[in-house]
Amino acid sequence: MPLPMIRSLALVALASCVLQAHAQGRIYRCGNEYTNDPLVAKAKGCNVMEGGNITVIEGTKPAPARSSTPVAAARSSSGNERVDPAAQRARDSDARAILEAEMRKAEERLAQARKEYANGEPEKQGIESRNYQRYLDRVAELKAAVGRAESDVAGLQRELSRLPGSASPGGSAAK
């Protein structure tokens, strides 16, 4: 290769290195914003970021909530609207029916979990007679399942007691 060609290739390589170094110039941090413009950074009193390359991905901005119609917005903003008492009673009775159905299911799950737990001494299954740790693990899982089921029943009883209509829930199982 001739000497002038080598010099020109070296010059091109040097120029590309200089341009690349210039492209990764100083980055300034202004709170939660970043800039590479020294004039803006000086005006805002930004700090120079030292270290490796910085990648900033700007998030999407949430769109403001809009109502479908201006009439609906005016109606909802007034706050003086009252629900028809018959409609509210129907809603309450629907909510009570749903919660009572959930309560029955939760009580059934609790009874099943207690039956499987057998007061901390469930019957050993298969390999558990030879592997006692596996048995202990299963007992711990059954105990946790009983605790979750009791918590579910207690929560549903609280929800039922909050509903207008009756002071005590119709469920019968707690702890």
Protein backbone atom coordinates (compact mmCIF):
# COMPACT_ATOMS: atom_id res chain seq x y z
CA MET A 1 0.00 0.00 0.00
CA PRO A 2 1.41 3.40 -0.87
CA LEU A 3 2.34 5.82 1.90
CA PRO A 4 -0.16 8.58 0.91
CA MET A 5 -3.05 6.09 1.10
CA ILE A 6 -1.99 4.95 4.58
CA ARG A 7 -1.78 8.58 5.72
CA SER A 8 -5.24 9.34 4.37
CA LEU A 9 -6.73 6.26 6.08
CA ALA A 10 -5.06 7.26 9.35
CA LEU A 11 -6.45 10.78 8.95
CA VAL A 12 -9.97 9.44 8.35
CA ALA A 13 -9.71 7.14 11.37
CA LEU A 14 -8.49 10.02 13.54
CA ALA A 15 -11.29 12.28 12.34
CA SER A 16 -13.92 9.66 13.09
CA CYS A 17 -12.50 9.18 16.61
CA VAL A 18 -12.62 12.93 17.22
CA LEU A 19 -16.21 13.14 15.96
CA GLN A 20 -17.24 10.20 18.10
CA ALA A 21 -15.62 11.72 21.18
CA HIS A 22 -17.40 14.99 20.42
CA ALA A 23 -20.74 13.15 20.04
CA GLN A 24 -20.30 11.72 23.51
CA GLY A 25 -19.45 15.07 25.04
CA ARG A 26 -20.47 16.28 28.43
CA ILE A 27 -23.92 15.44 29.72
CA TYR A 28 -25.54 17.73 32.26
CA ARG A 29 -28.17 16.74 34.80
CA CYS A 30 -30.80 19.28 35.75
CA GLY A 31 -32.93 17.54 38.38
CA ASN A 32 -34.77 14.82 36.47
CA GLU A 33 -33.82 16.24 33.08
CA TYR A 34 -30.63 15.68 31.09
CA THR A 35 -29.08 17.86 28.39
CA ASN A 36 -25.90 18.08 26.36
CA ASP A 37 -26.30 21.80 25.62
CA PRO A 38 -23.83 23.75 27.79
CA LEU A 39 -25.78 27.02 27.43
CA VAL A 40 -29.00 25.46 28.74
CA ALA A 41 -27.05 23.68 31.49
CA LYS A 42 -25.41 26.93 32.59
CA ALA A 43 -28.74 28.79 32.59
CA LYS A 44 -30.42 26.11 34.73
CA GLY A 45 -27.41 25.50 36.99
CA CYS A 46 -27.01 21.84 35.99
CA ASN A 47 -24.29 19.46 37.17
CA VAL A 48 -21.90 17.62 34.85
CA MET A 49 -22.45 13.85 34.80
CA GLU A 50 -19.22 11.88 35.06
CA GLY A 51 -18.84 8.25 34.10
CA GLY A 52 -20.22 6.04 31.34
CA ASN A 53 -22.81 6.71 28.70
CA ILE A 54 -26.26 7.73 29.85
CA THR A 55 -29.43 6.43 28.29
CA VAL A 56 -32.62 8.34 28.99
CA ILE A 57 -35.95 6.95 27.89
CA GLU A 58 -38.77 9.44 28.14
CA GLY A 59 -42.03 7.97 29.39
CA THR A 60 -45.45 8.63 27.97
CA LYS A 61 -47.49 11.40 29.47
CA PRO A 62 -50.93 10.39 30.75
CA ALA A 63 -53.85 11.88 28.90
CA PRO A 64 -56.18 13.99 31.03
CA ALA A 65 -59.39 12.24 32.01
CA ARG A 66 -62.33 13.33 29.90
CA SER A 67 -65.98 12.70 30.41
CA SER A 68 -68.05 11.44 27.52
CA THR A 69 -70.44 14.38 27.55
CA PRO A 70 -70.39 17.82 29.15
CA VAL A 71 -73.79 17.10 30.72
CA ALA A 72 -72.39 14.04 32.51
CA ALA A 73 -69.45 16.10 33.76
CA ALA A 74 -71.77 18.79 35.09
CA ARG A 75 -73.99 16.17 36.74
CA SER A 76 -71.10 14.35 38.43
CA SER A 77 -69.40 17.55 39.58
CA SER A 78 -72.50 18.92 41.32
CA GLY A 79 -72.38 16.21 44.03
CA ASN A 80 -75.96 16.96 45.10
CA GLU A 81 -77.47 14.04 43.20
CA ARG A 82 -79.17 11.42 45.36
CA VAL A 83 -79.83 7.85 44.39
CA ASP A 84 -83.41 6.67 44.45
CA PRO A 85 -83.94 4.81 47.77
CA ALA A 86 -85.54 1.83 45.99
CA ALA A 87 -82.55 1.57 43.63
CA GLN A 88 -80.15 1.78 46.57
CA ARG A 89 -82.04 -0.97 48.44
CA ALA A 90 -81.84 -3.13 45.32
CA ARG A 91 -78.09 -2.52 45.08
CA ASP A 92 -77.65 -3.33 48.76
CA SER A 93 -79.64 -6.55 48.47
CA ASP A 94 -77.62 -7.58 45.40
CA ALA A 95 -74.39 -6.87 47.25
CA ARG A 96 -75.62 -8.84 50.27
CA ALA A 97 -76.60 -11.81 48.08
CA ILE A 98 -73.18 -11.82 46.41
CA LEU A 99 -71.35 -11.57 49.74
CA GLU A 100 -73.48 -14.30 51.30
CA ALA A 101 -72.73 -16.61 48.36
CA GLU A 102 -69.01 -15.85 48.74
CA MET A 103 -69.35 -16.48 52.49
CA ARG A 104 -70.85 -19.94 51.88
CA LYS A 105 -68.02 -20.80 49.49
CA ALA A 106 -65.40 -19.52 51.95
CA GLU A 107 -66.94 -21.51 54.80
CA GLU A 108 -66.88 -24.65 52.63
CA ARG A 109 -63.20 -24.02 51.80
CA LEU A 110 -62.48 -23.50 55.50
CA ALA A 111 -64.23 -26.73 56.48
CA GLN A 112 -62.31 -28.64 53.79
CA ALA A 113 -58.99 -27.10 54.86
CA ARG A 114 -59.64 -27.96 58.52
CA LYS A 115 -60.59 -31.50 57.57
CA GLU A 116 -57.35 -31.94 55.58
CA TYR A 117 -55.27 -30.32 58.35
CA ALA A 118 -56.78 -32.64 61.02
CA ASN A 119 -55.58 -30.46 63.94
CA GLY A 120 -51.97 -30.59 62.77
CA GLU A 121 -51.83 -34.38 62.39
CA PRO A 122 -52.96 -35.23 58.86
CA GLU A 123 -52.55 -38.76 57.60
CA LYS A 124 -49.22 -39.42 55.90
CA GLN A 125 -49.35 -39.91 52.15
CA GLY A 126 -47.08 -42.13 50.05
CA ILE A 127 -43.43 -41.21 50.46
CA GLU A 128 -44.11 -39.09 53.54
CA SER A 129 -43.77 -42.18 55.78
CA ARG A 130 -40.11 -42.40 54.71
CA ASN A 131 -39.48 -38.64 54.21
CA TYR A 132 -40.56 -36.86 57.38
CA GLN A 133 -39.50 -33.40 56.11
CA ARG A 134 -41.92 -33.70 53.20
CA TYR A 135 -44.68 -34.48 55.71
CA LEU A 136 -43.74 -31.42 57.80
CA ASP A 137 -43.78 -29.23 54.69
CA ARG A 138 -47.25 -30.45 53.77
CA VAL A 139 -48.51 -29.86 57.33
CA ALA A 140 -47.16 -26.29 57.18
CA GLU A 141 -48.91 -25.72 53.83
CA LEU A 142 -52.18 -27.08 55.23
CA LYS A 143 -51.87 -24.84 58.29
CA ALA A 144 -51.31 -21.81 56.04
CA ALA A 145 -54.35 -22.80 53.95
CA VAL A 146 -56.49 -22.94 57.10
CA GLY A 147 -55.21 -19.51 58.12
CA ARG A 148 -56.03 -18.03 54.71
CA ALA A 149 -59.51 -19.56 54.73
CA GLU A 150 -60.18 -18.20 58.25
CA SER A 151 -58.98 -14.78 57.12
CA ASP A 152 -61.29 -14.91 54.09
CA VAL A 153 -64.29 -15.79 56.27
CA ALA A 154 -63.47 -13.02 58.75
CA GLY A 155 -63.14 -10.47 55.93
CA LEU A 156 -66.45 -11.47 54.40
CA GLN A 157 -68.13 -11.23 57.81
CA ARG A 158 -66.76 -7.70 58.19
CA GLU A 159 -68.07 -6.76 54.75
CA LEU A 160 -71.51 -8.20 55.54
CA SER A 161 -71.65 -6.33 58.84
CA ARG A 162 -70.94 -3.05 57.02
CA LEU A 163 -73.96 -3.43 54.75
CA PRO A 164 -77.13 -1.69 55.86
CA GLY A 165 -80.02 -3.94 56.80
CA SER A 166 -78.80 -6.25 59.53
CA ALA A 167 -76.20 -5.94 62.25
CA SER A 168 -74.90 -9.52 62.14
CA PRO A 169 -73.91 -11.61 59.13
CA GLY A 170 -75.69 -14.85 58.33
CA GLY A 171 -72.48 -16.90 58.32
CA SER A 172 -71.65 -19.33 61.10
CA ALA A 173 -67.94 -20.15 60.92
CA ALA A 174 -65.11 -18.09 62.30
CA LYS A 175 -62.28 -19.74 64.25
